[in-house]
């Protein structure tokens, strides 16, 4: 018998009828997609726990300006890893990130911390 999980965790049902212990909050699978003047920017925060947070951002030929407000805010300044030319103007705060670019960018930003 599985017991109750800490408040930072929840049981997620899977298609095969089993359950998986997940970290964060249950709506963490929600993605937000923004259209630029061309291309798209997709944001996703799969980890939203008290002790660890992670935000994924994928740009697909994105041109324009976008602001994404984190579903779960960071407590200290997070680490930013870029798998993209850093020429896309990126600003990260504890509660949001902003991207501004005048030329198309495709790639990933990964923001992690607590």
PDB file of N, CA and C in Angstrom:
ATOM      1  N   UNK A   1       0.847  -1.174   0.000  1.00  0.00           N
ATOM      2  CA  UNK A   1       0.000   0.000   0.000  1.00  0.00           C
ATOM      3  C   UNK A   1       0.888   1.231   0.000  1.00  0.00           C
ATOM      4  N   UNK A   2       0.612   2.152  -0.896  1.00  0.00           N
ATOM      5  CA  UNK A   2       1.396   3.369  -0.995  1.00  0.00           C
ATOM      6  C   UNK A   2       0.833   4.407  -0.034  1.00  0.00           C
ATOM      7  N   UNK A   3       1.705   5.046   0.722  1.00  0.00           N
ATOM      8  CA  UNK A   3       1.283   6.060   1.682  1.00  0.00           C
ATOM      9  C   UNK A   3       1.162   7.420   1.034  1.00  0.00           C
ATOM     10  N   UNK A   4       0.814   8.394   1.844  1.00  0.00           N
ATOM     11  CA  UNK A   4       0.680   9.764   1.375  1.00  0.00           C
ATOM     12  C   UNK A   4       2.066  10.323   1.056  1.00  0.00           C
ATOM     13  N   UNK A   5       2.148  11.119   0.049  1.00  0.00           N
ATOM     14  CA  UNK A   5       3.404  11.745  -0.340  1.00  0.00           C
ATOM     15  C   UNK A   5       3.499  13.112   0.321  1.00  0.00           C
ATOM     16  N   UNK A   6       4.723  13.613   0.446  1.00  0.00           N
ATOM     17  CA  UNK A   6       4.923  14.952   0.990  1.00  0.00           C
ATOM     18  C   UNK A   6       4.201  15.965   0.111  1.00  0.00           C
ATOM     19  N   UNK A   7       3.917  17.132   0.651  1.00  0.00           N
ATOM     20  CA  UNK A   7       3.144  18.155  -0.067  1.00  0.00           C
ATOM     21  C   UNK A   7       3.794  18.561  -1.384  1.00  0.00           C
ATOM     22  N   UNK A   8       5.089  18.372  -1.515  1.00  0.00           N
ATOM     23  CA  UNK A   8       5.827  18.751  -2.703  1.00  0.00           C
ATOM     24  C   UNK A   8       5.721  17.698  -3.809  1.00  0.00           C
ATOM     25  N   UNK A   9       5.049  16.588  -3.532  1.00  0.00           N
ATOM     26  CA  UNK A   9       4.951  15.480  -4.472  1.00  0.00           C
ATOM     27  C   UNK A   9       3.492  15.111  -4.716  1.00  0.00           C
ATOM     28  N   UNK A  10       3.224  14.427  -5.806  1.00  0.00           N
ATOM     29  CA  UNK A  10       1.882  13.938  -6.086  1.00  0.00           C
ATOM     30  C   UNK A  10       1.990  12.653  -6.901  1.00  0.00           C
ATOM     31  N   UNK A  11       0.936  11.852  -6.854  1.00  0.00           N
ATOM     32  CA  UNK A  11       0.885  10.611  -7.625  1.00  0.00           C
ATOM     33  C   UNK A  11       0.212  10.903  -8.959  1.00  0.00           C
ATOM     34  N   UNK A  12       0.888  10.581 -10.048  1.00  0.00           N
ATOM     35  CA  UNK A  12       0.346  10.802 -11.379  1.00  0.00           C
ATOM     36  C   UNK A  12      -0.052   9.461 -11.990  1.00  0.00           C
ATOM     37  N   UNK A  13      -1.331   9.306 -12.351  1.00  0.00           N
ATOM     38  CA  UNK A  13      -1.742   8.053 -12.988  1.00  0.00           C
ATOM     39  C   UNK A  13      -1.110   7.920 -14.369  1.00  0.00           C
ATOM     40  N   UNK A  14      -0.804   6.703 -14.762  1.00  0.00           N
ATOM     41  CA  UNK A  14      -0.258   6.478 -16.095  1.00  0.00           C
ATOM     42  C   UNK A  14      -1.243   5.633 -16.892  1.00  0.00           C
ATOM     43  N   UNK A  15      -1.134   5.613 -18.212  1.00  0.00           N
ATOM     44  CA  UNK A  15      -2.078   4.883 -19.057  1.00  0.00           C
ATOM     45  C   UNK A  15      -2.181   3.396 -18.742  1.00  0.00           C
ATOM     46  N   UNK A  16      -1.102   2.811 -18.194  1.00  0.00           N
ATOM     47  CA  UNK A  16      -1.138   1.372 -17.906  1.00  0.00           C
ATOM     48  C   UNK A  16      -1.790   1.047 -16.560  1.00  0.00           C
ATOM     49  N   UNK A  17      -2.316   2.067 -15.868  1.00  0.00           N
ATOM     50  CA  UNK A  17      -3.007   1.848 -14.600  1.00  0.00           C
ATOM     51  C   UNK A  17      -2.124   2.004 -13.378  1.00  0.00           C
ATOM     52  N   UNK A  18      -0.828   2.110 -13.558  1.00  0.00           N
ATOM     53  CA  UNK A  18       0.078   2.330 -12.434  1.00  0.00           C
ATOM     54  C   UNK A  18       0.113   3.808 -12.071  1.00  0.00           C
ATOM     55  N   UNK A  19       0.835   4.134 -11.018  1.00  0.00           N
ATOM     56  CA  UNK A  19       1.015   5.525 -10.641  1.00  0.00           C
ATOM     57  C   UNK A  19       2.499   5.818 -10.520  1.00  0.00           C
ATOM     58  N   UNK A  20       2.876   7.053 -10.835  1.00  0.00           N
ATOM     59  CA  UNK A  20       4.250   7.486 -10.740  1.00  0.00           C
ATOM     60  C   UNK A  20       4.315   8.648  -9.765  1.00  0.00           C
ATOM     61  N   UNK A  21       5.274   8.617  -8.844  1.00  0.00           N
ATOM     62  CA  UNK A  21       5.459   9.718  -7.908  1.00  0.00           C
ATOM     63  C   UNK A  21       6.161  10.851  -8.640  1.00  0.00           C
ATOM     64  N   UNK A  22       5.525  12.009  -8.666  1.00  0.00           N
ATOM     65  CA  UNK A  22       6.076  13.174  -9.362  1.00  0.00           C
ATOM     66  C   UNK A  22       6.360  14.281  -8.366  1.00  0.00           C
ATOM     67  N   UNK A  23       7.261  15.165  -8.757  1.00  0.00           N
ATOM     68  CA  UNK A  23       7.685  16.284  -7.924  1.00  0.00           C
ATOM     69  C   UNK A  23       7.082  17.561  -8.478  1.00  0.00           C
ATOM     70  N   UNK A  24       6.499  18.383  -7.653  1.00  0.00           N
ATOM     71  CA  UNK A  24       5.945  19.645  -8.091  1.00  0.00           C
ATOM     72  C   UNK A  24       4.446  19.679  -7.899  1.00  0.00           C
ATOM     73  N   UNK A  25       3.744  20.244  -8.859  1.00  0.00           N
ATOM     74  CA  UNK A  25       2.292  20.321  -8.773  1.00  0.00           C
ATOM     75  C   UNK A  25       1.674  19.630  -9.979  1.00  0.00           C
ATOM     76  N   UNK A  26       0.442  19.214  -9.824  1.00  0.00           N
ATOM     77  CA  UNK A  26      -0.173  18.335 -10.824  1.00  0.00           C
ATOM     78  C   UNK A  26      -0.349  18.963 -12.204  1.00  0.00           C
ATOM     79  N   UNK A  27      -0.455  20.273 -12.327  1.00  0.00           N
ATOM     80  CA  UNK A  27      -0.653  20.869 -13.655  1.00  0.00           C
ATOM     81  C   UNK A  27       0.671  21.242 -14.317  1.00  0.00           C
ATOM     82  N   UNK A  28       1.764  20.631 -13.879  1.00  0.00           N
ATOM     83  CA  UNK A  28       3.077  20.978 -14.392  1.00  0.00           C
ATOM     84  C   UNK A  28       3.260  20.631 -15.862  1.00  0.00           C
ATOM     85  N   UNK A  29       2.374  19.826 -16.423  1.00  0.00           N
ATOM     86  CA  UNK A  29       2.512  19.423 -17.818  1.00  0.00           C
ATOM     87  C   UNK A  29       1.977  20.461 -18.803  1.00  0.00           C
ATOM     88  N   UNK A  30       1.429  21.545 -18.290  1.00  0.00           N
ATOM     89  CA  UNK A  30       0.876  22.572 -19.176  1.00  0.00           C
ATOM     90  C   UNK A  30       2.010  23.310 -19.895  1.00  0.00           C
ATOM     91  N   UNK A  31       1.909  23.395 -21.200  1.00  0.00           N
ATOM     92  CA  UNK A  31       2.862  24.147 -22.005  1.00  0.00           C
ATOM     93  C   UNK A  31       2.183  25.411 -22.499  1.00  0.00           C
ATOM     94  N   UNK A  32       2.968  26.444 -22.669  1.00  0.00           N
ATOM     95  CA  UNK A  32       2.443  27.682 -23.239  1.00  0.00           C
ATOM     96  C   UNK A  32       3.239  27.978 -24.505  1.00  0.00           C
ATOM     97  N   UNK A  33       2.523  28.250 -25.579  1.00  0.00           N
ATOM     98  CA  UNK A  33       3.145  28.526 -26.872  1.00  0.00           C
ATOM     99  C   UNK A  33       2.798  29.950 -27.287  1.00  0.00           C
ATOM    100  N   UNK A  34       3.807  30.707 -27.666  1.00  0.00           N
ATOM    101  CA  UNK A  34       3.617  32.080 -28.098  1.00  0.00           C
ATOM    102  C   UNK A  34       4.099  32.220 -29.531  1.00  0.00           C
ATOM    103  N   UNK A  35       3.354  32.963 -30.335  1.00  0.00           N
ATOM    104  CA  UNK A  35       3.752  33.250 -31.707  1.00  0.00           C
ATOM    105  C   UNK A  35       4.481  34.579 -31.740  1.00  0.00           C
ATOM    106  N   UNK A  36       5.594  34.615 -32.443  1.00  0.00           N
ATOM    107  CA  UNK A  36       6.301  35.869 -32.648  1.00  0.00           C
ATOM    108  C   UNK A  36       5.865  36.467 -33.974  1.00  0.00           C
ATOM    109  N   UNK A  37       6.613  37.450 -34.448  1.00  0.00           N
ATOM    110  CA  UNK A  37       6.323  37.959 -35.780  1.00  0.00           C
ATOM    111  C   UNK A  37       6.616  36.861 -36.798  1.00  0.00           C
ATOM    112  N   UNK A  38       7.471  35.917 -36.402  1.00  0.00           N
ATOM    113  CA  UNK A  38       7.621  34.646 -37.111  1.00  0.00           C
ATOM    114  C   UNK A  38       8.067  33.614 -36.083  1.00  0.00           C
ATOM    115  N   UNK A  39       7.751  32.379 -36.323  1.00  0.00           N
ATOM    116  CA  UNK A  39       8.155  31.306 -35.429  1.00  0.00           C
ATOM    117  C   UNK A  39       7.371  31.257 -34.127  1.00  0.00           C
ATOM    118  N   UNK A  40       7.782  30.333 -33.250  1.00  0.00           N
ATOM    119  CA  UNK A  40       7.098  30.143 -31.969  1.00  0.00           C
ATOM    120  C   UNK A  40       8.116  30.021 -30.835  1.00  0.00           C
ATOM    121  N   UNK A  41       7.636  30.310 -29.623  1.00  0.00           N
ATOM    122  CA  UNK A  41       8.390  30.096 -28.392  1.00  0.00           C
ATOM    123  C   UNK A  41       7.502  29.242 -27.494  1.00  0.00           C
ATOM    124  N   UNK A  42       8.007  28.074 -27.079  1.00  0.00           N
ATOM    125  CA  UNK A  42       7.246  27.155 -26.235  1.00  0.00           C
ATOM    126  C   UNK A  42       7.907  27.086 -24.863  1.00  0.00           C
ATOM    127  N   UNK A  43       7.094  27.246 -23.815  1.00  0.00           N
ATOM    128  CA  UNK A  43       7.584  27.240 -22.439  1.00  0.00           C
ATOM    129  C   UNK A  43       6.918  26.116 -21.664  1.00  0.00           C
ATOM    130  N   UNK A  44       7.672  25.536 -20.730  1.00  0.00           N
ATOM    131  CA  UNK A  44       7.213  24.381 -19.982  1.00  0.00           C
ATOM    132  C   UNK A  44       7.982  24.362 -18.660  1.00  0.00           C
ATOM    133  N   UNK A  45       7.292  24.206 -17.532  1.00  0.00           N
ATOM    134  CA  UNK A  45       7.974  24.095 -16.236  1.00  0.00           C
ATOM    135  C   UNK A  45       7.648  22.733 -15.630  1.00  0.00           C
ATOM    136  N   UNK A  46       8.421  21.684 -16.006  1.00  0.00           N
ATOM    137  CA  UNK A  46       8.109  20.333 -15.536  1.00  0.00           C
ATOM    138  C   UNK A  46       8.408  20.104 -14.059  1.00  0.00           C
ATOM    139  N   UNK A  47       9.334  20.868 -13.482  1.00  0.00           N
ATOM    140  CA  UNK A  47       9.652  20.735 -12.056  1.00  0.00           C
ATOM    141  C   UNK A  47       9.287  22.030 -11.353  1.00  0.00           C
ATOM    142  N   UNK A  48       8.354  21.935 -10.388  1.00  0.00           N
ATOM    143  CA  UNK A  48       7.855  23.125  -9.697  1.00  0.00           C
ATOM    144  C   UNK A  48       7.888  22.947  -8.191  1.00  0.00           C
ATOM    145  N   UNK A  49       8.808  22.142  -7.694  1.00  0.00           N
ATOM    146  CA  UNK A  49       8.860  21.835  -6.269  1.00  0.00           C
ATOM    147  C   UNK A  49       9.476  22.945  -5.441  1.00  0.00           C
ATOM    148  N   UNK A  50       9.441  22.750  -4.141  1.00  0.00           N
ATOM    149  CA  UNK A  50      10.023  23.702  -3.202  1.00  0.00           C
ATOM    150  C   UNK A  50      11.545  23.710  -3.333  1.00  0.00           C
ATOM    151  N   UNK A  51      12.145  22.530  -3.501  1.00  0.00           N
ATOM    152  CA  UNK A  51      13.596  22.414  -3.510  1.00  0.00           C
ATOM    153  C   UNK A  51      14.224  22.394  -4.898  1.00  0.00           C
ATOM    154  N   UNK A  52      13.442  22.260  -5.931  1.00  0.00           N
ATOM    155  CA  UNK A  52      14.012  22.231  -7.281  1.00  0.00           C
ATOM    156  C   UNK A  52      12.958  22.691  -8.284  1.00  0.00           C
ATOM    157  N   UNK A  53      13.384  23.568  -9.170  1.00  0.00           N
ATOM    158  CA  UNK A  53      12.511  24.052 -10.238  1.00  0.00           C
ATOM    159  C   UNK A  53      13.293  24.004 -11.545  1.00  0.00           C
ATOM    160  N   UNK A  54      12.578  23.734 -12.633  1.00  0.00           N
ATOM    161  CA  UNK A  54      13.212  23.679 -13.953  1.00  0.00           C
ATOM    162  C   UNK A  54      12.226  24.211 -14.979  1.00  0.00           C
ATOM    163  N   UNK A  55      12.695  25.109 -15.836  1.00  0.00           N
ATOM    164  CA  UNK A  55      11.892  25.671 -16.916  1.00  0.00           C
ATOM    165  C   UNK A  55      12.596  25.365 -18.228  1.00  0.00           C
ATOM    166  N   UNK A  56      11.832  24.895 -19.202  1.00  0.00           N
ATOM    167  CA  UNK A  56      12.353  24.634 -20.541  1.00  0.00           C
ATOM    168  C   UNK A  56      11.725  25.631 -21.499  1.00  0.00           C
ATOM    169  N   UNK A  57      12.531  26.171 -22.371  1.00  0.00           N
ATOM    170  CA  UNK A  57      12.042  27.096 -23.398  1.00  0.00           C
ATOM    171  C   UNK A  57      12.636  26.657 -24.729  1.00  0.00           C
ATOM    172  N   UNK A  58      11.761  26.437 -25.710  1.00  0.00           N
ATOM    173  CA  UNK A  58      12.233  26.081 -27.044  1.00  0.00           C
ATOM    174  C   UNK A  58      11.798  27.157 -28.022  1.00  0.00           C
ATOM    175  N   UNK A  59      12.761  27.707 -28.738  1.00  0.00           N
ATOM    176  CA  UNK A  59      12.478  28.681 -29.794  1.00  0.00           C
ATOM    177  C   UNK A  59      12.566  27.960 -31.125  1.00  0.00           C
ATOM    178  N   UNK A  60      11.571  28.203 -31.977  1.00  0.00           N
ATOM    179  CA  UNK A  60      11.540  27.601 -33.309  1.00  0.00           C
ATOM    180  C   UNK A  60      11.433  28.729 -34.324  1.00  0.00           C
ATOM    181  N   UNK A  61      12.578  29.141 -34.861  1.00  0.00           N
ATOM    182  CA  UNK A  61      12.652  30.256 -35.818  1.00  0.00           C
ATOM    183  C   UNK A  61      11.928  31.478 -35.266  1.00  0.00           C
ATOM    184  N   UNK A  62      12.077  31.710 -33.961  1.00  0.00           N
ATOM    185  CA  UNK A  62      11.344  32.782 -33.284  1.00  0.00           C
ATOM    186  C   UNK A  62      11.959  34.146 -33.552  1.00  0.00           C
ATOM    187  N   UNK A  63      11.098  35.101 -33.889  1.00  0.00           N
ATOM    188  CA  UNK A  63      11.453  36.512 -34.002  1.00  0.00           C
ATOM    189  C   UNK A  63      10.375  37.279 -33.249  1.00  0.00           C
ATOM    190  N   UNK A  64      10.779  38.179 -32.370  1.00  0.00           N
ATOM    191  CA  UNK A  64       9.804  38.982 -31.638  1.00  0.00           C
ATOM    192  C   UNK A  64      10.181  39.112 -30.180  1.00  0.00           C
ATOM    193  N   UNK A  65       9.175  39.446 -29.353  1.00  0.00           N
ATOM    194  CA  UNK A  65       9.350  39.612 -27.920  1.00  0.00           C
ATOM    195  C   UNK A  65       8.308  38.781 -27.208  1.00  0.00           C
ATOM    196  N   UNK A  66       8.721  38.075 -26.162  1.00  0.00           N
ATOM    197  CA  UNK A  66       7.796  37.253 -25.389  1.00  0.00           C
ATOM    198  C   UNK A  66       8.199  37.311 -23.919  1.00  0.00           C
ATOM    199  N   UNK A  67       7.197  37.341 -23.041  1.00  0.00           N
ATOM    200  CA  UNK A  67       7.402  37.260 -21.589  1.00  0.00           C
ATOM    201  C   UNK A  67       6.673  36.031 -21.090  1.00  0.00           C
ATOM    202  N   UNK A  68       7.363  35.203 -20.303  1.00  0.00           N
ATOM    203  CA  UNK A  68       6.749  34.024 -19.708  1.00  0.00           C
ATOM    204  C   UNK A  68       6.875  34.130 -18.199  1.00  0.00           C
ATOM    205  N   UNK A  69       5.739  34.059 -17.499  1.00  0.00           N
ATOM    206  CA  UNK A  69       5.726  34.107 -16.039  1.00  0.00           C
ATOM    207  C   UNK A  69       5.684  32.684 -15.508  1.00  0.00           C
ATOM    208  N   UNK A  70       6.657  32.338 -14.666  1.00  0.00           N
ATOM    209  CA  UNK A  70       6.781  30.975 -14.161  1.00  0.00           C
ATOM    210  C   UNK A  70       5.576  30.594 -13.299  1.00  0.00           C
ATOM    211  N   UNK A  71       5.011  29.411 -13.488  1.00  0.00           N
ATOM    212  CA  UNK A  71       3.941  28.936 -12.607  1.00  0.00           C
ATOM    213  C   UNK A  71       4.404  28.833 -11.152  1.00  0.00           C
ATOM    214  N   UNK A  72       5.675  28.463 -10.943  1.00  0.00           N
ATOM    215  CA  UNK A  72       6.262  28.407  -9.601  1.00  0.00           C
ATOM    216  C   UNK A  72       7.543  29.246  -9.630  1.00  0.00           C
ATOM    217  N   UNK A  73       7.566  30.326  -8.855  1.00  0.00           N
ATOM    218  CA  UNK A  73       8.701  31.248  -8.862  1.00  0.00           C
ATOM    219  C   UNK A  73       9.940  30.645  -8.214  1.00  0.00           C
ATOM    220  N   UNK A  74      11.103  31.099  -8.668  1.00  0.00           N
ATOM    221  CA  UNK A  74      12.368  30.717  -8.050  1.00  0.00           C
ATOM    222  C   UNK A  74      12.569  31.537  -6.775  1.00  0.00           C
ATOM    223  N   UNK A  75      13.358  30.980  -5.849  1.00  0.00           N
ATOM    224  CA  UNK A  75      13.661  31.663  -4.590  1.00  0.00           C
ATOM    225  C   UNK A  75      14.984  32.415  -4.684  1.00  0.00           C
ATOM    226  N   UNK A  76      15.937  31.859  -5.414  1.00  0.00           N
ATOM    227  CA  UNK A  76      17.237  32.494  -5.665  1.00  0.00           C
ATOM    228  C   UNK A  76      17.457  32.517  -7.181  1.00  0.00           C
ATOM    229  N   UNK A  77      18.367  33.376  -7.619  1.00  0.00           N
ATOM    230  CA  UNK A  77      18.625  33.506  -9.055  1.00  0.00           C
ATOM    231  C   UNK A  77      18.995  32.150  -9.652  1.00  0.00           C
ATOM    232  N   UNK A  78      18.252  31.698 -10.679  1.00  0.00           N
ATOM    233  CA  UNK A  78      18.502  30.378 -11.272  1.00  0.00           C
ATOM    234  C   UNK A  78      19.690  30.393 -12.232  1.00  0.00           C
ATOM    235  N   UNK A  79      20.112  29.186 -12.595  1.00  0.00           N
ATOM    236  CA  UNK A  79      21.171  28.981 -13.580  1.00  0.00           C
ATOM    237  C   UNK A  79      20.515  28.874 -14.952  1.00  0.00           C
ATOM    238  N   UNK A  80      21.105  29.512 -15.945  1.00  0.00           N
ATOM    239  CA  UNK A  80      20.575  29.462 -17.308  1.00  0.00           C
ATOM    240  C   UNK A  80      21.585  28.735 -18.191  1.00  0.00           C
ATOM    241  N   UNK A  81      21.100  27.690 -18.872  1.00  0.00           N
ATOM    242  CA  UNK A  81      21.904  26.964 -19.842  1.00  0.00           C
ATOM    243  C   UNK A  81      21.281  27.220 -21.205  1.00  0.00           C
ATOM    244  N   UNK A  82      22.104  27.604 -22.158  1.00  0.00           N
ATOM    245  CA  UNK A  82      21.588  27.900 -23.490  1.00  0.00           C
ATOM    246  C   UNK A  82      22.179  26.954 -24.509  1.00  0.00           C
ATOM    247  N   UNK A  83      21.299  26.298 -25.270  1.00  0.00           N
ATOM    248  CA  UNK A  83      21.729  25.474 -26.395  1.00  0.00           C
ATOM    249  C   UNK A  83      21.347  26.245 -27.654  1.00  0.00           C
ATOM    250  N   UNK A  84      21.711  27.511 -27.635  1.00  0.00           N
ATOM    251  CA  UNK A  84      21.345  28.440 -28.693  1.00  0.00           C
ATOM    252  C   UNK A  84      22.378  29.563 -28.681  1.00  0.00           C
ATOM    253  N   UNK A  85      22.567  30.209 -29.779  1.00  0.00           N
ATOM    254  CA  UNK A  85      23.423  31.384 -29.826  1.00  0.00           C
ATOM    255  C   UNK A  85      22.863  32.399 -28.834  1.00  0.00           C
ATOM    256  N   UNK A  86      23.686  32.931 -27.972  1.00  0.00           N
ATOM    257  CA  UNK A  86      23.211  33.838 -26.928  1.00  0.00           C
ATOM    258  C   UNK A  86      22.777  35.197 -27.471  1.00  0.00           C
ATOM    259  N   UNK A  87      22.737  35.365 -28.785  1.00  0.00           N
ATOM    260  CA  UNK A  87      22.307  36.624 -29.377  1.00  0.00           C
ATOM    261  C   UNK A  87      20.834  36.924 -29.184  1.00  0.00           C
ATOM    262  N   UNK A  88      20.031  35.909 -28.862  1.00  0.00           N
ATOM    263  CA  UNK A  88      18.627  36.158 -28.543  1.00  0.00           C
ATOM    264  C   UNK A  88      18.612  36.802 -27.168  1.00  0.00           C
ATOM    265  N   UNK A  89      18.114  38.025 -27.063  1.00  0.00           N
ATOM    266  CA  UNK A  89      18.131  38.760 -25.800  1.00  0.00           C
ATOM    267  C   UNK A  89      17.294  38.062 -24.748  1.00  0.00           C
ATOM    268  N   UNK A  90      17.932  37.553 -23.702  1.00  0.00           N
ATOM    269  CA  UNK A  90      17.250  36.814 -22.643  1.00  0.00           C
ATOM    270  C   UNK A  90      17.442  37.532 -21.325  1.00  0.00           C
ATOM    271  N   UNK A  91      16.340  37.719 -20.593  1.00  0.00           N
ATOM    272  CA  UNK A  91      16.368  38.261 -19.248  1.00  0.00           C
ATOM    273  C   UNK A  91      15.603  37.299 -18.353  1.00  0.00           C
ATOM    274  N   UNK A  92      16.216  36.873 -17.248  1.00  0.00           N
ATOM    275  CA  UNK A  92      15.569  35.952 -16.320  1.00  0.00           C
ATOM    276  C   UNK A  92      15.533  36.596 -14.937  1.00  0.00           C
ATOM    277  N   UNK A  93      14.349  36.603 -14.316  1.00  0.00           N
ATOM    278  CA  UNK A  93      14.190  37.065 -12.940  1.00  0.00           C
ATOM    279  C   UNK A  93      13.674  35.889 -12.119  1.00  0.00           C
ATOM    280  N   UNK A  94      13.324  36.129 -10.871  1.00  0.00           N
ATOM    281  CA  UNK A  94      12.812  35.053 -10.024  1.00  0.00           C
ATOM    282  C   UNK A  94      11.437  34.579 -10.461  1.00  0.00           C
ATOM    283  N   UNK A  95      10.664  35.448 -11.118  1.00  0.00           N
ATOM    284  CA  UNK A  95       9.285  35.066 -11.463  1.00  0.00           C
ATOM    285  C   UNK A  95       8.984  35.019 -12.954  1.00  0.00           C
ATOM    286  N   UNK A  96       9.956  35.354 -13.816  1.00  0.00           N
ATOM    287  CA  UNK A  96       9.655  35.360 -15.250  1.00  0.00           C
ATOM    288  C   UNK A  96      10.922  35.345 -16.086  1.00  0.00           C
ATOM    289  N   UNK A  97      10.710  35.167 -17.383  1.00  0.00           N
ATOM    290  CA  UNK A  97      11.792  35.315 -18.344  1.00  0.00           C
ATOM    291  C   UNK A  97      11.257  36.068 -19.555  1.00  0.00           C
ATOM    292  N   UNK A  98      12.123  36.829 -20.192  1.00  0.00           N
ATOM    293  CA  UNK A  98      11.744  37.596 -21.373  1.00  0.00           C
ATOM    294  C   UNK A  98      12.784  37.338 -22.463  1.00  0.00           C
ATOM    295  N   UNK A  99      12.295  37.215 -23.685  1.00  0.00           N
ATOM    296  CA  UNK A  99      13.171  37.010 -24.835  1.00  0.00           C
ATOM    297  C   UNK A  99      12.808  38.047 -25.883  1.00  0.00           C
ATOM    298  N   UNK A 100      13.837  38.694 -26.432  1.00  0.00           N
ATOM    299  CA  UNK A 100      13.637  39.662 -27.505  1.00  0.00           C
ATOM    300  C   UNK A 100      14.692  39.394 -28.567  1.00  0.00           C
ATOM    301  N   UNK A 101      14.240  39.201 -29.790  1.00  0.00           N
ATOM    302  CA  UNK A 101      15.173  38.978 -30.896  1.00  0.00           C
ATOM    303  C   UNK A 101      14.610  39.559 -32.188  1.00  0.00           C
ATOM    304  N   UNK A 102      15.491  40.092 -32.998  1.00  0.00           N
ATOM    305  CA  UNK A 102      15.093  40.643 -34.288  1.00  0.00           C
ATOM    306  C   UNK A 102      15.422  39.722 -35.449  1.00  0.00           C
ATOM    307  N   UNK A 103      16.139  38.633 -35.167  1.00  0.00           N
ATOM    308  CA  UNK A 103      16.471  37.648 -36.194  1.00  0.00           C
ATOM    309  C   UNK A 103      16.000  36.275 -35.713  1.00  0.00           C
ATOM    310  N   UNK A 104      15.724  35.350 -36.617  1.00  0.00           N
ATOM    311  CA  UNK A 104      15.206  34.037 -36.213  1.00  0.00           C
ATOM    312  C   UNK A 104      16.188  33.235 -35.363  1.00  0.00           C
ATOM    313  N   UNK A 105      15.694  32.670 -34.276  1.00  0.00           N
ATOM    314  CA  UNK A 105      16.478  31.793 -33.406  1.00  0.00           C
ATOM    315  C   UNK A 105      15.748  30.486 -33.204  1.00  0.00           C
ATOM    316  N   UNK A 106      16.495  29.395 -33.252  1.00  0.00           N
ATOM    317  CA  UNK A 106      15.964  28.066 -32.957  1.00  0.00           C
ATOM    318  C   UNK A 106      16.915  27.421 -31.961  1.00  0.00           C
ATOM    319  N   UNK A 107      16.364  26.898 -30.888  1.00  0.00           N
ATOM    320  CA  UNK A 107      17.187  26.253 -29.872  1.00  0.00           C
ATOM    321  C   UNK A 107      16.502  26.259 -28.522  1.00  0.00           C
ATOM    322  N   UNK A 108      17.252  25.905 -27.479  1.00  0.00           N
ATOM    323  CA  UNK A 108      16.711  25.713 -26.132  1.00  0.00           C
ATOM    324  C   UNK A 108      17.343  26.641 -25.127  1.00  0.00           C
ATOM    325  N   UNK A 109      16.544  27.040 -24.135  1.00  0.00           N
ATOM    326  CA  UNK A 109      17.026  27.638 -22.884  1.00  0.00           C
ATOM    327  C   UNK A 109      16.522  26.715 -21.778  1.00  0.00           C
ATOM    328  N   UNK A 110      17.398  26.407 -20.832  1.00  0.00           N
ATOM    329  CA  UNK A 110      17.032  25.607 -19.665  1.00  0.00           C
ATOM    330  C   UNK A 110      17.369  26.434 -18.431  1.00  0.00           C
ATOM    331  N   UNK A 111      16.369  26.666 -17.586  1.00  0.00           N
ATOM    332  CA  UNK A 111      16.547  27.456 -16.378  1.00  0.00           C
ATOM    333  C   UNK A 111      16.312  26.534 -15.193  1.00  0.00           C
ATOM    334  N   UNK A 112      17.287  26.459 -14.265  1.00  0.00           N
ATOM    335  CA  UNK A 112      17.181  25.550 -13.126  1.00  0.00           C
ATOM    336  C   UNK A 112      17.595  26.234 -11.831  1.00  0.00           C
ATOM    337  N   UNK A 113      17.017  25.788 -10.747  1.00  0.00           N
ATOM    338  CA  UNK A 113      17.392  26.289  -9.430  1.00  0.00           C
ATOM    339  C   UNK A 113      16.312  25.947  -8.428  1.00  0.00           C
ATOM    340  N   UNK A 114      16.245  26.759  -7.379  1.00  0.00           N
ATOM    341  CA  UNK A 114      15.186  26.577  -6.391  1.00  0.00           C
ATOM    342  C   UNK A 114      14.638  27.898  -5.975  1.00  0.00           C
TER     343      UNK A 114
END
